Amino acid sequence: MEPSAPGPKAVNVHEAKTHFSKLLERVARGEEVVIAKAGKPVARLVPIAEPPKPRVFGALRGEIWVADDFDAPDPELEALFEGEDDDLF
């Protein structure tokens, strides 16, 4: 295998089979490897994205607030949905 160059490293199928463990090590370090068959790219080995961090419930306690009437009906919006007040526009 040749030294890493900018962009994805391309290897042929035989080289990929022969050096699969080394390619996986490179991918684990964040590199991307393209596998080619007869010079035509057919697959990419890419690192798995980190799973999202779990949410911490209550982390914004005291930072935000919700108005008491946040879910109160809005007559203007209701009129638009029900077609009662066509002169709003």
C-alpha atoms as a PDB file:
ATOM      1  CA  MET A   1       0.000   0.000   0.000  1.00  0.00           C
ATOM      2  CA  GLU A   2       1.227   3.468  -0.834  1.00  0.00           C
ATOM      3  CA  PRO A   3       1.315   6.432   1.580  1.00  0.00           C
ATOM      4  CA  SER A   4      -1.849   8.419   2.097  1.00  0.00           C
ATOM      5  CA  ALA A   5      -2.600  11.249  -0.335  1.00  0.00           C
ATOM      6  CA  PRO A   6      -5.241  13.985  -0.092  1.00  0.00           C
ATOM      7  CA  GLY A   7      -8.756  12.707  -0.786  1.00  0.00           C
ATOM      8  CA  PRO A   8      -9.995   9.144  -0.539  1.00  0.00           C
ATOM      9  CA  LYS A   9      -7.373   6.445  -1.054  1.00  0.00           C
ATOM     10  CA  ALA A  10      -8.291   4.134  -3.944  1.00  0.00           C
ATOM     11  CA  VAL A  11      -7.253   0.480  -3.832  1.00  0.00           C
ATOM     12  CA  ASN A  12      -8.039  -2.420  -6.126  1.00  0.00           C
ATOM     13  CA  VAL A  13      -9.984  -5.451  -4.938  1.00  0.00           C
ATOM     14  CA  HIS A  14      -6.888  -7.656  -4.605  1.00  0.00           C
ATOM     15  CA  GLU A  15      -5.083  -5.041  -2.506  1.00  0.00           C
ATOM     16  CA  ALA A  16      -8.201  -4.547  -0.377  1.00  0.00           C
ATOM     17  CA  LYS A  17      -8.437  -8.285   0.320  1.00  0.00           C
ATOM     18  CA  THR A  18      -4.728  -8.562   1.047  1.00  0.00           C
ATOM     19  CA  HIS A  19      -4.551  -5.528   3.372  1.00  0.00           C
ATOM     20  CA  PHE A  20      -8.108  -5.430   4.730  1.00  0.00           C
ATOM     21  CA  SER A  21      -7.056  -5.144   8.391  1.00  0.00           C
ATOM     22  CA  LYS A  22      -4.711  -2.237   7.601  1.00  0.00           C
ATOM     23  CA  LEU A  23      -7.440  -0.513   5.599  1.00  0.00           C
ATOM     24  CA  LEU A  24      -9.841  -0.885   8.524  1.00  0.00           C
ATOM     25  CA  GLU A  25      -7.253   0.708  10.820  1.00  0.00           C
ATOM     26  CA  ARG A  26      -7.016   3.684   8.451  1.00  0.00           C
ATOM     27  CA  VAL A  27     -10.796   3.984   8.301  1.00  0.00           C
ATOM     28  CA  ALA A  28     -10.976   3.815  12.096  1.00  0.00           C
ATOM     29  CA  ARG A  29      -8.631   6.843  12.169  1.00  0.00           C
ATOM     30  CA  GLY A  30     -11.130   8.760  10.023  1.00  0.00           C
ATOM     31  CA  GLU A  31      -9.835   8.118   6.505  1.00  0.00           C
ATOM     32  CA  GLU A  32     -12.040   7.088   3.606  1.00  0.00           C
ATOM     33  CA  VAL A  33     -10.986   4.264   1.277  1.00  0.00           C
ATOM     34  CA  VAL A  34     -12.410   3.644  -2.200  1.00  0.00           C
ATOM     35  CA  ILE A  35     -12.314   0.079  -3.547  1.00  0.00           C
ATOM     36  CA  ALA A  36     -12.058  -0.188  -7.326  1.00  0.00           C
ATOM     37  CA  LYS A  37     -12.582  -3.107  -9.680  1.00  0.00           C
ATOM     38  CA  ALA A  38     -10.770  -2.823 -13.025  1.00  0.00           C
ATOM     39  CA  GLY A  39     -10.013   0.813 -12.163  1.00  0.00           C
ATOM     40  CA  LYS A  40     -13.681   1.700 -11.617  1.00  0.00           C
ATOM     41  CA  PRO A  41     -14.736   2.687  -8.068  1.00  0.00           C
ATOM     42  CA  VAL A  42     -17.358   0.282  -6.737  1.00  0.00           C
ATOM     43  CA  ALA A  43     -17.376   0.764  -2.944  1.00  0.00           C
ATOM     44  CA  ARG A  44     -16.323   3.093  -0.146  1.00  0.00           C
ATOM     45  CA  LEU A  45     -15.083   2.201   3.319  1.00  0.00           C
ATOM     46  CA  VAL A  46     -15.985   5.058   5.642  1.00  0.00           C
ATOM     47  CA  PRO A  47     -15.898   5.484   9.410  1.00  0.00           C
ATOM     48  CA  ILE A  48     -19.169   4.990  11.239  1.00  0.00           C
ATOM     49  CA  ALA A  49     -20.573   8.258  12.527  1.00  0.00           C
ATOM     50  CA  GLU A  50     -20.494   8.745  16.269  1.00  0.00           C
ATOM     51  CA  PRO A  51     -23.897   8.069  17.819  1.00  0.00           C
ATOM     52  CA  PRO A  52     -25.606  11.172  19.135  1.00  0.00           C
ATOM     53  CA  LYS A  53     -25.081  11.926  22.789  1.00  0.00           C
ATOM     54  CA  PRO A  54     -28.065  11.031  24.968  1.00  0.00           C
ATOM     55  CA  ARG A  55     -30.341  13.897  25.850  1.00  0.00           C
ATOM     56  CA  VAL A  56     -30.237  15.154  29.408  1.00  0.00           C
ATOM     57  CA  PHE A  57     -33.747  15.859  30.579  1.00  0.00           C
ATOM     58  CA  GLY A  58     -34.034  19.088  32.516  1.00  0.00           C
ATOM     59  CA  ALA A  59     -30.776  20.498  31.147  1.00  0.00           C
ATOM     60  CA  LEU A  60     -32.529  23.783  30.232  1.00  0.00           C
ATOM     61  CA  ARG A  61     -34.503  24.074  33.452  1.00  0.00           C
ATOM     62  CA  GLY A  62     -34.780  27.757  34.318  1.00  0.00           C
ATOM     63  CA  GLU A  63     -33.437  28.784  30.877  1.00  0.00           C
ATOM     64  CA  ILE A  64     -36.720  28.762  28.948  1.00  0.00           C
ATOM     65  CA  TRP A  65     -40.354  29.382  29.711  1.00  0.00           C
ATOM     66  CA  VAL A  66     -43.681  28.656  28.050  1.00  0.00           C
ATOM     67  CA  ALA A  67     -46.456  31.229  28.184  1.00  0.00           C
ATOM     68  CA  ASP A  68     -49.591  30.168  30.046  1.00  0.00           C
ATOM     69  CA  ASP A  69     -51.691  30.720  26.916  1.00  0.00           C
ATOM     70  CA  PHE A  70     -49.315  29.098  24.393  1.00  0.00           C
ATOM     71  CA  ASP A  71     -52.004  26.649  23.291  1.00  0.00           C
ATOM     72  CA  ALA A  72     -54.949  29.065  23.419  1.00  0.00           C
ATOM     73  CA  PRO A  73     -56.992  29.247  20.210  1.00  0.00           C
ATOM     74  CA  ASP A  74     -56.117  32.035  17.785  1.00  0.00           C
ATOM     75  CA  PRO A  75     -59.327  33.385  16.188  1.00  0.00           C
ATOM     76  CA  GLU A  76     -57.475  34.807  13.164  1.00  0.00           C
ATOM     77  CA  LEU A  77     -55.750  31.489  12.457  1.00  0.00           C
ATOM     78  CA  GLU A  78     -58.989  29.554  12.963  1.00  0.00           C
ATOM     79  CA  ALA A  79     -60.714  31.860  10.480  1.00  0.00           C
ATOM     80  CA  LEU A  80     -58.019  31.149   7.892  1.00  0.00           C
ATOM     81  CA  PHE A  81     -58.440  27.388   8.286  1.00  0.00           C
ATOM     82  CA  GLU A  82     -62.208  27.523   8.281  1.00  0.00           C
ATOM     83  CA  GLY A  83     -62.479  30.055   5.443  1.00  0.00           C
ATOM     84  CA  GLU A  84     -64.687  32.391   7.475  1.00  0.00           C
ATOM     85  CA  ASP A  85     -62.779  35.628   6.945  1.00  0.00           C
ATOM     86  CA  ASP A  86     -61.580  35.868   3.344  1.00  0.00           C
ATOM     87  CA  ASP A  87     -60.806  39.598   3.595  1.00  0.00           C
ATOM     88  CA  LEU A  88     -57.750  39.043   5.860  1.00  0.00           C
ATOM     89  CA  PHE A  89     -55.493  39.238   2.812  1.00  0.00           C
END
